[in-house]
Amino acid sequence: MDTARSRKMGGTGLGLSIVKHITQVHGGQVTVESKLGQGSTFIIHLPRLLT
């Protein structure tokens, strides 16, 4: 994938919205950690399943 091209063209943010919705349906949450000039890390927290 050409990441430079992807950044120039921009995105709709739809992927993150889908991830957030699916995570919430399963009782979890999405958090983000950002560092200026370094980028962002998105973290998905899901509850542990007990068997």
C-alpha atoms as a PDB file:
ATOM      1  CA  MET A   1       0.000   0.000   0.000  1.00  0.00           C
ATOM      2  CA  ASP A   2       1.290   3.469  -0.843  1.00  0.00           C
ATOM      3  CA  THR A   3       0.961   5.225   2.530  1.00  0.00           C
ATOM      4  CA  ALA A   4       2.237   8.557   1.199  1.00  0.00           C
ATOM      5  CA  ARG A   5      -0.506   8.563  -1.424  1.00  0.00           C
ATOM      6  CA  SER A   6      -3.123   7.573   1.162  1.00  0.00           C
ATOM      7  CA  ARG A   7      -2.147  10.481   3.415  1.00  0.00           C
ATOM      8  CA  LYS A   8      -2.284  12.987   0.543  1.00  0.00           C
ATOM      9  CA  MET A   9      -5.697  11.835  -0.624  1.00  0.00           C
ATOM     10  CA  GLY A  10      -7.184  11.662   2.869  1.00  0.00           C
ATOM     11  CA  GLY A  11      -9.729   9.192   4.093  1.00  0.00           C
ATOM     12  CA  THR A  12     -13.303   9.088   5.237  1.00  0.00           C
ATOM     13  CA  GLY A  13     -12.576   7.745   8.721  1.00  0.00           C
ATOM     14  CA  LEU A  14     -15.128   5.022   8.078  1.00  0.00           C
ATOM     15  CA  GLY A  15     -12.751   2.239   9.118  1.00  0.00           C
ATOM     16  CA  LEU A  16     -12.232   3.659  12.602  1.00  0.00           C
ATOM     17  CA  SER A  17     -15.965   4.235  12.967  1.00  0.00           C
ATOM     18  CA  ILE A  18     -16.648   0.576  12.123  1.00  0.00           C
ATOM     19  CA  VAL A  19     -13.966  -0.611  14.581  1.00  0.00           C
ATOM     20  CA  LYS A  20     -15.433   1.597  17.326  1.00  0.00           C
ATOM     21  CA  HIS A  21     -18.963   0.300  16.735  1.00  0.00           C
ATOM     22  CA  ILE A  22     -17.959  -3.389  16.716  1.00  0.00           C
ATOM     23  CA  THR A  23     -15.821  -2.893  19.841  1.00  0.00           C
ATOM     24  CA  GLN A  24     -18.686  -1.211  21.716  1.00  0.00           C
ATOM     25  CA  VAL A  25     -21.144  -3.942  20.707  1.00  0.00           C
ATOM     26  CA  HIS A  26     -18.795  -6.432  22.390  1.00  0.00           C
ATOM     27  CA  GLY A  27     -18.597  -4.364  25.591  1.00  0.00           C
ATOM     28  CA  GLY A  28     -15.243  -2.751  24.893  1.00  0.00           C
ATOM     29  CA  GLN A  29     -13.861   0.635  24.054  1.00  0.00           C
ATOM     30  CA  VAL A  30     -11.305   2.265  21.761  1.00  0.00           C
ATOM     31  CA  THR A  31      -8.727   4.719  23.099  1.00  0.00           C
ATOM     32  CA  VAL A  32      -6.044   6.733  21.336  1.00  0.00           C
ATOM     33  CA  GLU A  33      -2.586   7.944  22.310  1.00  0.00           C
ATOM     34  CA  SER A  34      -1.120  10.705  20.125  1.00  0.00           C
ATOM     35  CA  LYS A  35       2.330  12.254  20.033  1.00  0.00           C
ATOM     36  CA  LEU A  36       2.867  15.376  17.974  1.00  0.00           C
ATOM     37  CA  GLY A  37       5.065  14.619  14.992  1.00  0.00           C
ATOM     38  CA  GLN A  38       5.136  10.879  15.749  1.00  0.00           C
ATOM     39  CA  GLY A  39       1.595   9.724  15.043  1.00  0.00           C
ATOM     40  CA  SER A  40      -1.218   8.023  16.888  1.00  0.00           C
ATOM     41  CA  THR A  41      -1.765   4.608  18.424  1.00  0.00           C
ATOM     42  CA  PHE A  42      -5.312   3.270  18.625  1.00  0.00           C
ATOM     43  CA  ILE A  43      -5.928   0.684  21.348  1.00  0.00           C
ATOM     44  CA  ILE A  44      -8.889  -1.692  21.438  1.00  0.00           C
ATOM     45  CA  HIS A  45      -9.960  -2.818  24.924  1.00  0.00           C
ATOM     46  CA  LEU A  46     -12.223  -5.892  25.029  1.00  0.00           C
ATOM     47  CA  PRO A  47     -13.538  -7.659  28.110  1.00  0.00           C
ATOM     48  CA  ARG A  48     -11.999 -11.036  28.877  1.00  0.00           C
ATOM     49  CA  LEU A  49     -14.290 -13.973  28.137  1.00  0.00           C
ATOM     50  CA  LEU A  50     -14.735 -16.376  31.039  1.00  0.00           C
ATOM     51  CA  THR A  51     -15.159 -20.018  30.111  1.00  0.00           C
END
